[in-house]
Structures are given as structure tokens and as C-alpha cells.
Amino acid sequence: MRHLEYDLKLALIIKSIRKQKLMKQYILAKALNMQQATYSRVEKGTIAITPGQLHIIAHELGTTSSRILLQMEQ
């Protein structure tokens, strides 16, 4: 899988989990110390997610990085 495809798939999985939890983007943006508009670009896959950011996002969503990455294989 190419990097852009990987980034987009990861972003879509995170967005899906966030919406299932009825969580607003600004909550994750605040946890990542970024503006909501910037976080929106993360969920669109235009900004890559670092491993550290993934860990923070997973924590805020009440899951683990591993569980999110496992969904990438499905």
C-alpha cells in the first residue's frame, strides 16, 4: 500500500471511530495541541499521522493504536 493510500485509510478509520463515539473534532485537535482546521486535514488524509499522534488519538477514543492498526488490515 502506498503512503497516501495508507494515510487516507488510517484517517478514515479514525474518523469512523470518532463519529461512532459522537466526539467532535475539536476534542482530538485539543489533545493533539492543534487547531480544529488542522485536525480536519488529518482526517482527510492530507496530513500524515505520526505514531505519537496515533497513540494520543487512540487514548482519547478509548482504544489502542494496535486496535486501530488492526482495522487497517481488514
PDB file of N, CA and C in Angstrom:
ATOM      1  N   MET A   1       0.850  -1.177   0.000  1.00  0.00           N
ATOM      2  CA  MET A   1       0.000   0.000   0.000  1.00  0.00           C
ATOM      3  C   MET A   1       0.896   1.241   0.000  1.00  0.00           C
ATOM      4  N   ARG A   2       0.604   2.178  -0.883  1.00  0.00           N
ATOM      5  CA  ARG A   2       1.404   3.393  -0.944  1.00  0.00           C
ATOM      6  C   ARG A   2       1.088   4.285   0.249  1.00  0.00           C
ATOM      7  N   HIS A   3       2.006   5.201   0.540  1.00  0.00           N
ATOM      8  CA  HIS A   3       1.849   6.061   1.714  1.00  0.00           C
ATOM      9  C   HIS A   3       0.545   6.854   1.690  1.00  0.00           C
ATOM     10  N   LEU A   4       0.186   7.431   0.561  1.00  0.00           N
ATOM     11  CA  LEU A   4      -1.038   8.238   0.509  1.00  0.00           C
ATOM     12  C   LEU A   4      -2.267   7.380   0.764  1.00  0.00           C
ATOM     13  N   GLU A   5      -2.299   6.190   0.203  1.00  0.00           N
ATOM     14  CA  GLU A   5      -3.420   5.284   0.439  1.00  0.00           C
ATOM     15  C   GLU A   5      -3.481   4.881   1.907  1.00  0.00           C
ATOM     16  N   TYR A   6      -2.317   4.607   2.480  1.00  0.00           N
ATOM     17  CA  TYR A   6      -2.229   4.222   3.890  1.00  0.00           C
ATOM     18  C   TYR A   6      -2.730   5.354   4.780  1.00  0.00           C
ATOM     19  N   ASP A   7      -2.242   6.579   4.528  1.00  0.00           N
ATOM     20  CA  ASP A   7      -2.653   7.740   5.323  1.00  0.00           C
ATOM     21  C   ASP A   7      -4.152   7.960   5.235  1.00  0.00           C
ATOM     22  N   LEU A   8      -4.710   7.826   4.033  1.00  0.00           N
ATOM     23  CA  LEU A   8      -6.137   8.047   3.853  1.00  0.00           C
ATOM     24  C   LEU A   8      -6.955   6.972   4.564  1.00  0.00           C
ATOM     25  N   LYS A   9      -6.539   5.724   4.454  1.00  0.00           N
ATOM     26  CA  LYS A   9      -7.279   4.640   5.120  1.00  0.00           C
ATOM     27  C   LYS A   9      -7.237   4.806   6.634  1.00  0.00           C
ATOM     28  N   LEU A  10      -6.062   5.128   7.169  1.00  0.00           N
ATOM     29  CA  LEU A  10      -5.933   5.349   8.611  1.00  0.00           C
ATOM     30  C   LEU A  10      -6.824   6.508   9.052  1.00  0.00           C
ATOM     31  N   ALA A  11      -6.818   7.579   8.283  1.00  0.00           N
ATOM     32  CA  ALA A  11      -7.639   8.751   8.604  1.00  0.00           C
ATOM     33  C   ALA A  11      -9.125   8.394   8.611  1.00  0.00           C
ATOM     34  N   LEU A  12      -9.557   7.617   7.650  1.00  0.00           N
ATOM     35  CA  LEU A  12     -10.968   7.238   7.574  1.00  0.00           C
ATOM     36  C   LEU A  12     -11.384   6.337   8.733  1.00  0.00           C
ATOM     37  N   ILE A  13     -10.489   5.462   9.154  1.00  0.00           N
ATOM     38  CA  ILE A  13     -10.780   4.604  10.309  1.00  0.00           C
ATOM     39  C   ILE A  13     -10.926   5.448  11.564  1.00  0.00           C
ATOM     40  N   ILE A  14     -10.007   6.384  11.764  1.00  0.00           N
ATOM     41  CA  ILE A  14     -10.067   7.261  12.936  1.00  0.00           C
ATOM     42  C   ILE A  14     -11.343   8.092  12.915  1.00  0.00           C
ATOM     43  N   LYS A  15     -11.665   8.634  11.764  1.00  0.00           N
ATOM     44  CA  LYS A  15     -12.886   9.439  11.636  1.00  0.00           C
ATOM     45  C   LYS A  15     -14.124   8.607  11.969  1.00  0.00           C
ATOM     46  N   SER A  16     -14.152   7.374  11.493  1.00  0.00           N
ATOM     47  CA  SER A  16     -15.280   6.490  11.750  1.00  0.00           C
ATOM     48  C   SER A  16     -15.434   6.203  13.243  1.00  0.00           C
ATOM     49  N   ILE A  17     -14.330   5.908  13.903  1.00  0.00           N
ATOM     50  CA  ILE A  17     -14.380   5.640  15.353  1.00  0.00           C
ATOM     51  C   ILE A  17     -14.838   6.894  16.091  1.00  0.00           C
ATOM     52  N   ARG A  18     -14.293   8.045  15.706  1.00  0.00           N
ATOM     53  CA  ARG A  18     -14.659   9.303  16.369  1.00  0.00           C
ATOM     54  C   ARG A  18     -16.160   9.558  16.234  1.00  0.00           C
ATOM     55  N   LYS A  19     -16.698   9.335  15.043  1.00  0.00           N
ATOM     56  CA  LYS A  19     -18.126   9.568  14.830  1.00  0.00           C
ATOM     57  C   LYS A  19     -18.978   8.569  15.609  1.00  0.00           C
ATOM     58  N   GLN A  20     -18.523   7.310  15.696  1.00  0.00           N
ATOM     59  CA  GLN A  20     -19.251   6.313  16.484  1.00  0.00           C
ATOM     60  C   GLN A  20     -19.324   6.733  17.948  1.00  0.00           C
ATOM     61  N   LYS A  21     -18.276   7.386  18.424  1.00  0.00           N
ATOM     62  CA  LYS A  21     -18.222   7.838  19.826  1.00  0.00           C
ATOM     63  C   LYS A  21     -18.924   9.184  20.013  1.00  0.00           C
ATOM     64  N   LEU A  22     -19.468   9.741  18.911  1.00  0.00           N
ATOM     65  CA  LEU A  22     -20.141  11.044  18.927  1.00  0.00           C
ATOM     66  C   LEU A  22     -19.213  12.142  19.456  1.00  0.00           C
ATOM     67  N   MET A  23     -17.960  12.053  19.086  1.00  0.00           N
ATOM     68  CA  MET A  23     -16.948  13.007  19.535  1.00  0.00           C
ATOM     69  C   MET A  23     -16.698  14.050  18.442  1.00  0.00           C
ATOM     70  N   LYS A  24     -16.549  15.271  18.843  1.00  0.00           N
ATOM     71  CA  LYS A  24     -16.261  16.353  17.904  1.00  0.00           C
ATOM     72  C   LYS A  24     -14.763  16.413  17.597  1.00  0.00           C
ATOM     73  N   GLN A  25     -14.444  16.910  16.416  1.00  0.00           N
ATOM     74  CA  GLN A  25     -13.049  17.031  16.003  1.00  0.00           C
ATOM     75  C   GLN A  25     -12.235  17.890  16.961  1.00  0.00           C
ATOM     76  N   TYR A  26     -12.821  18.945  17.488  1.00  0.00           N
ATOM     77  CA  TYR A  26     -12.051  19.867  18.317  1.00  0.00           C
ATOM     78  C   TYR A  26     -11.488  19.187  19.569  1.00  0.00           C
ATOM     79  N   ILE A  27     -12.135  18.120  20.041  1.00  0.00           N
ATOM     80  CA  ILE A  27     -11.624  17.415  21.220  1.00  0.00           C
ATOM     81  C   ILE A  27     -10.298  16.738  20.894  1.00  0.00           C
ATOM     82  N   LEU A  28     -10.238  16.060  19.753  1.00  0.00           N
ATOM     83  CA  LEU A  28      -8.985  15.423  19.349  1.00  0.00           C
ATOM     84  C   LEU A  28      -7.948  16.473  18.976  1.00  0.00           C
ATOM     85  N   ALA A  29      -8.380  17.548  18.341  1.00  0.00           N
ATOM     86  CA  ALA A  29      -7.448  18.620  17.989  1.00  0.00           C
ATOM     87  C   ALA A  29      -6.797  19.195  19.244  1.00  0.00           C
ATOM     88  N   LYS A  30      -7.596  19.416  20.267  1.00  0.00           N
ATOM     89  CA  LYS A  30      -7.064  19.950  21.522  1.00  0.00           C
ATOM     90  C   LYS A  30      -6.060  18.984  22.141  1.00  0.00           C
ATOM     91  N   ALA A  31      -6.380  17.694  22.141  1.00  0.00           N
ATOM     92  CA  ALA A  31      -5.475  16.686  22.701  1.00  0.00           C
ATOM     93  C   ALA A  31      -4.147  16.640  21.942  1.00  0.00           C
ATOM     94  N   LEU A  32      -4.203  16.946  20.645  1.00  0.00           N
ATOM     95  CA  LEU A  32      -3.003  16.944  19.808  1.00  0.00           C
ATOM     96  C   LEU A  32      -2.325  18.314  19.759  1.00  0.00           C
ATOM     97  N   ASN A  33      -2.906  19.274  20.469  1.00  0.00           N
ATOM     98  CA  ASN A  33      -2.358  20.631  20.505  1.00  0.00           C
ATOM     99  C   ASN A  33      -2.312  21.257  19.116  1.00  0.00           C
ATOM    100  N   MET A  34      -3.434  21.145  18.397  1.00  0.00           N
ATOM    101  CA  MET A  34      -3.516  21.753  17.072  1.00  0.00           C
ATOM    102  C   MET A  34      -4.902  22.365  16.897  1.00  0.00           C
ATOM    103  N   GLN A  35      -5.018  23.200  15.911  1.00  0.00           N
ATOM    104  CA  GLN A  35      -6.298  23.822  15.597  1.00  0.00           C
ATOM    105  C   GLN A  35      -7.237  22.777  14.995  1.00  0.00           C
ATOM    106  N   GLN A  36      -8.539  22.987  15.164  1.00  0.00           N
ATOM    107  CA  GLN A  36      -9.528  22.062  14.613  1.00  0.00           C
ATOM    108  C   GLN A  36      -9.392  21.975  13.096  1.00  0.00           C
ATOM    109  N   ALA A  37      -9.121  23.087  12.432  1.00  0.00           N
ATOM    110  CA  ALA A  37      -8.979  23.089  10.973  1.00  0.00           C
ATOM    111  C   ALA A  37      -7.802  22.211  10.537  1.00  0.00           C
ATOM    112  N   THR A  38      -6.739  22.235  11.307  1.00  0.00           N
ATOM    113  CA  THR A  38      -5.589  21.387  11.004  1.00  0.00           C
ATOM    114  C   THR A  38      -5.946  19.930  11.222  1.00  0.00           C
ATOM    115  N   TYR A  39      -6.642  19.649  12.311  1.00  0.00           N
ATOM    116  CA  TYR A  39      -7.055  18.274  12.573  1.00  0.00           C
ATOM    117  C   TYR A  39      -7.985  17.768  11.475  1.00  0.00           C
ATOM    118  N   SER A  40      -8.817  18.621  10.952  1.00  0.00           N
ATOM    119  CA  SER A  40      -9.703  18.243   9.857  1.00  0.00           C
ATOM    120  C   SER A  40      -8.886  17.723   8.676  1.00  0.00           C
ATOM    121  N   ARG A  41      -7.760  18.352   8.409  1.00  0.00           N
ATOM    122  CA  ARG A  41      -6.877  17.900   7.328  1.00  0.00           C
ATOM    123  C   ARG A  41      -6.262  16.543   7.655  1.00  0.00           C
ATOM    124  N   VAL A  42      -6.051  16.257   8.932  1.00  0.00           N
ATOM    125  CA  VAL A  42      -5.572  14.935   9.349  1.00  0.00           C
ATOM    126  C   VAL A  42      -6.610  13.887   8.960  1.00  0.00           C
ATOM    127  N   GLU A  43      -7.878  14.155   9.272  1.00  0.00           N
ATOM    128  CA  GLU A  43      -8.946  13.199   8.963  1.00  0.00           C
ATOM    129  C   GLU A  43      -9.214  13.070   7.475  1.00  0.00           C
ATOM    130  N   LYS A  44      -8.800  14.051   6.704  1.00  0.00           N
ATOM    131  CA  LYS A  44      -8.932  13.958   5.250  1.00  0.00           C
ATOM    132  C   LYS A  44      -7.750  13.224   4.627  1.00  0.00           C
ATOM    133  N   GLY A  45      -6.742  12.930   5.439  1.00  0.00           N
ATOM    134  CA  GLY A  45      -5.581  12.212   4.944  1.00  0.00           C
ATOM    135  C   GLY A  45      -4.543  13.082   4.272  1.00  0.00           C
ATOM    136  N   THR A  46      -4.717  14.412   4.352  1.00  0.00           N
ATOM    137  CA  THR A  46      -3.747  15.310   3.712  1.00  0.00           C
ATOM    138  C   THR A  46      -2.552  15.604   4.612  1.00  0.00           C
ATOM    139  N   ILE A  47      -2.708  15.340   5.901  1.00  0.00           N
ATOM    140  CA  ILE A  47      -1.598  15.445   6.850  1.00  0.00           C
ATOM    141  C   ILE A  47      -1.423  14.057   7.465  1.00  0.00           C
ATOM    142  N   ALA A  48      -0.228  13.513   7.366  1.00  0.00           N
ATOM    143  CA  ALA A  48       0.039  12.180   7.900  1.00  0.00           C
ATOM    144  C   ALA A  48       0.015  12.194   9.427  1.00  0.00           C
ATOM    145  N   ILE A  49      -0.396  11.089   9.991  1.00  0.00           N
ATOM    146  CA  ILE A  49      -0.456  10.917  11.438  1.00  0.00           C
ATOM    147  C   ILE A  49       0.832  10.254  11.897  1.00  0.00           C
ATOM    148  N   THR A  50       1.477  10.853  12.877  1.00  0.00           N
ATOM    149  CA  THR A  50       2.697  10.264  13.426  1.00  0.00           C
ATOM    150  C   THR A  50       2.322   9.170  14.430  1.00  0.00           C
ATOM    151  N   PRO A  51       3.249   8.272  14.734  1.00  0.00           N
ATOM    152  CA  PRO A  51       2.947   7.258  15.754  1.00  0.00           C
ATOM    153  C   PRO A  51       2.538   7.875  17.096  1.00  0.00           C
ATOM    154  N   GLY A  52       3.182   8.958  17.482  1.00  0.00           N
ATOM    155  CA  GLY A  52       2.827   9.621  18.737  1.00  0.00           C
ATOM    156  C   GLY A  52       1.420  10.191  18.705  1.00  0.00           C
ATOM    157  N   GLN A  53       1.052  10.789  17.580  1.00  0.00           N
ATOM    158  CA  GLN A  53      -0.299  11.318  17.433  1.00  0.00           C
ATOM    159  C   GLN A  53      -1.329  10.203  17.440  1.00  0.00           C
ATOM    160  N   LEU A  54      -1.004   9.092  16.794  1.00  0.00           N
ATOM    161  CA  LEU A  54      -1.917   7.952  16.781  1.00  0.00           C
ATOM    162  C   LEU A  54      -2.159   7.451  18.202  1.00  0.00           C
ATOM    163  N   HIS A  55      -1.120   7.410  19.002  1.00  0.00           N
ATOM    164  CA  HIS A  55      -1.251   6.980  20.395  1.00  0.00           C
ATOM    165  C   HIS A  55      -2.204   7.910  21.159  1.00  0.00           C
ATOM    166  N   ILE A  56      -2.051   9.202  20.977  1.00  0.00           N
ATOM    167  CA  ILE A  56      -2.911  10.180  21.654  1.00  0.00           C
ATOM    168  C   ILE A  56      -4.354  10.040  21.175  1.00  0.00           C
ATOM    169  N   ILE A  57      -4.528   9.938  19.868  1.00  0.00           N
ATOM    170  CA  ILE A  57      -5.870   9.794  19.299  1.00  0.00           C
ATOM    171  C   ILE A  57      -6.538   8.533  19.847  1.00  0.00           C
ATOM    172  N   ALA A  58      -5.817   7.434  19.834  1.00  0.00           N
ATOM    173  CA  ALA A  58      -6.373   6.172  20.328  1.00  0.00           C
ATOM    174  C   ALA A  58      -6.796   6.306  21.790  1.00  0.00           C
ATOM    175  N   HIS A  59      -5.948   6.911  22.593  1.00  0.00           N
ATOM    176  CA  HIS A  59      -6.265   7.104  24.014  1.00  0.00           C
ATOM    177  C   HIS A  59      -7.557   7.914  24.165  1.00  0.00           C
ATOM    178  N   GLU A  60      -7.655   9.004  23.436  1.00  0.00           N
ATOM    179  CA  GLU A  60      -8.848   9.858  23.528  1.00  0.00           C
ATOM    180  C   GLU A  60     -10.103   9.124  23.059  1.00  0.00           C
ATOM    181  N   LEU A  61      -9.932   8.209  22.113  1.00  0.00           N
ATOM    182  CA  LEU A  61     -11.070   7.452  21.591  1.00  0.00           C
ATOM    183  C   LEU A  61     -11.379   6.210  22.421  1.00  0.00           C
ATOM    184  N   GLY A  62     -10.587   5.985  23.469  1.00  0.00           N
ATOM    185  CA  GLY A  62     -10.838   4.860  24.348  1.00  0.00           C
ATOM    186  C   GLY A  62     -10.435   3.518  23.749  1.00  0.00           C
ATOM    187  N   THR A  63      -9.417   3.539  22.908  1.00  0.00           N
ATOM    188  CA  THR A  63      -8.930   2.315  22.288  1.00  0.00           C
ATOM    189  C   THR A  63      -7.403   2.340  22.296  1.00  0.00           C
ATOM    190  N   THR A  64      -6.792   1.478  21.520  1.00  0.00           N
ATOM    191  CA  THR A  64      -5.331   1.456  21.431  1.00  0.00           C
ATOM    192  C   THR A  64      -4.892   1.646  19.988  1.00  0.00           C
ATOM    193  N   SER A  65      -3.662   2.042  19.832  1.00  0.00           N
ATOM    194  CA  SER A  65      -3.086   2.182  18.487  1.00  0.00           C
ATOM    195  C   SER A  65      -3.145   0.845  17.766  1.00  0.00           C
ATOM    196  N   SER A  66      -2.859  -0.216  18.493  1.00  0.00           N
ATOM    197  CA  SER A  66      -2.854  -1.558  17.898  1.00  0.00           C
ATOM    198  C   SER A  66      -4.218  -1.924  17.329  1.00  0.00           C
ATOM    199  N   ARG A  67      -5.262  -1.615  18.066  1.00  0.00           N
ATOM    200  CA  ARG A  67      -6.621  -1.936  17.582  1.00  0.00           C
ATOM    201  C   ARG A  67      -6.963  -1.141  16.326  1.00  0.00           C
ATOM    202  N   ILE A  68      -6.539   0.113  16.295  1.00  0.00           N
ATOM    203  CA  ILE A  68      -6.785   0.921  15.100  1.00  0.00           C
ATOM    204  C   ILE A  68      -6.005   0.349  13.926  1.00  0.00           C
ATOM    205  N   LEU A  69      -4.747   0.010  14.146  1.00  0.00           N
ATOM    206  CA  LEU A  69      -3.926  -0.531  13.060  1.00  0.00           C
ATOM    207  C   LEU A  69      -4.414  -1.890  12.583  1.00  0.00           C
ATOM    208  N   LEU A  70      -5.001  -2.678  13.482  1.00  0.00           N
ATOM    209  CA  LEU A  70      -5.570  -3.954  13.069  1.00  0.00           C
ATOM    210  C   LEU A  70      -6.716  -3.761  12.069  1.00  0.00           C
ATOM    211  N   GLN A  71      -7.452  -2.673  12.224  1.00  0.00           N
ATOM    212  CA  GLN A  71      -8.543  -2.379  11.292  1.00  0.00           C
ATOM    213  C   GLN A  71      -8.005  -2.046   9.901  1.00  0.00           C
ATOM    214  N   MET A  72      -6.747  -1.621   9.837  1.00  0.00           N
ATOM    215  CA  MET A  72      -6.134  -1.312   8.542  1.00  0.00           C
ATOM    216  C   MET A  72      -6.013  -2.576   7.690  1.00  0.00           C
ATOM    217  N   GLU A  73      -5.900  -3.724   8.328  1.00  0.00           N
ATOM    218  CA  GLU A  73      -5.717  -4.992   7.628  1.00  0.00           C
ATOM    219  C   GLU A  73      -7.019  -5.575   7.114  1.00  0.00           C
ATOM    220  N   GLN A  74      -8.131  -5.062   7.563  1.00  0.00           N
ATOM    221  CA  GLN A  74      -9.433  -5.596   7.153  1.00  0.00           C
ATOM    222  C   GLN A  74      -9.878  -5.019   5.830  1.00  0.00           C
TER     223      GLN A  74
END
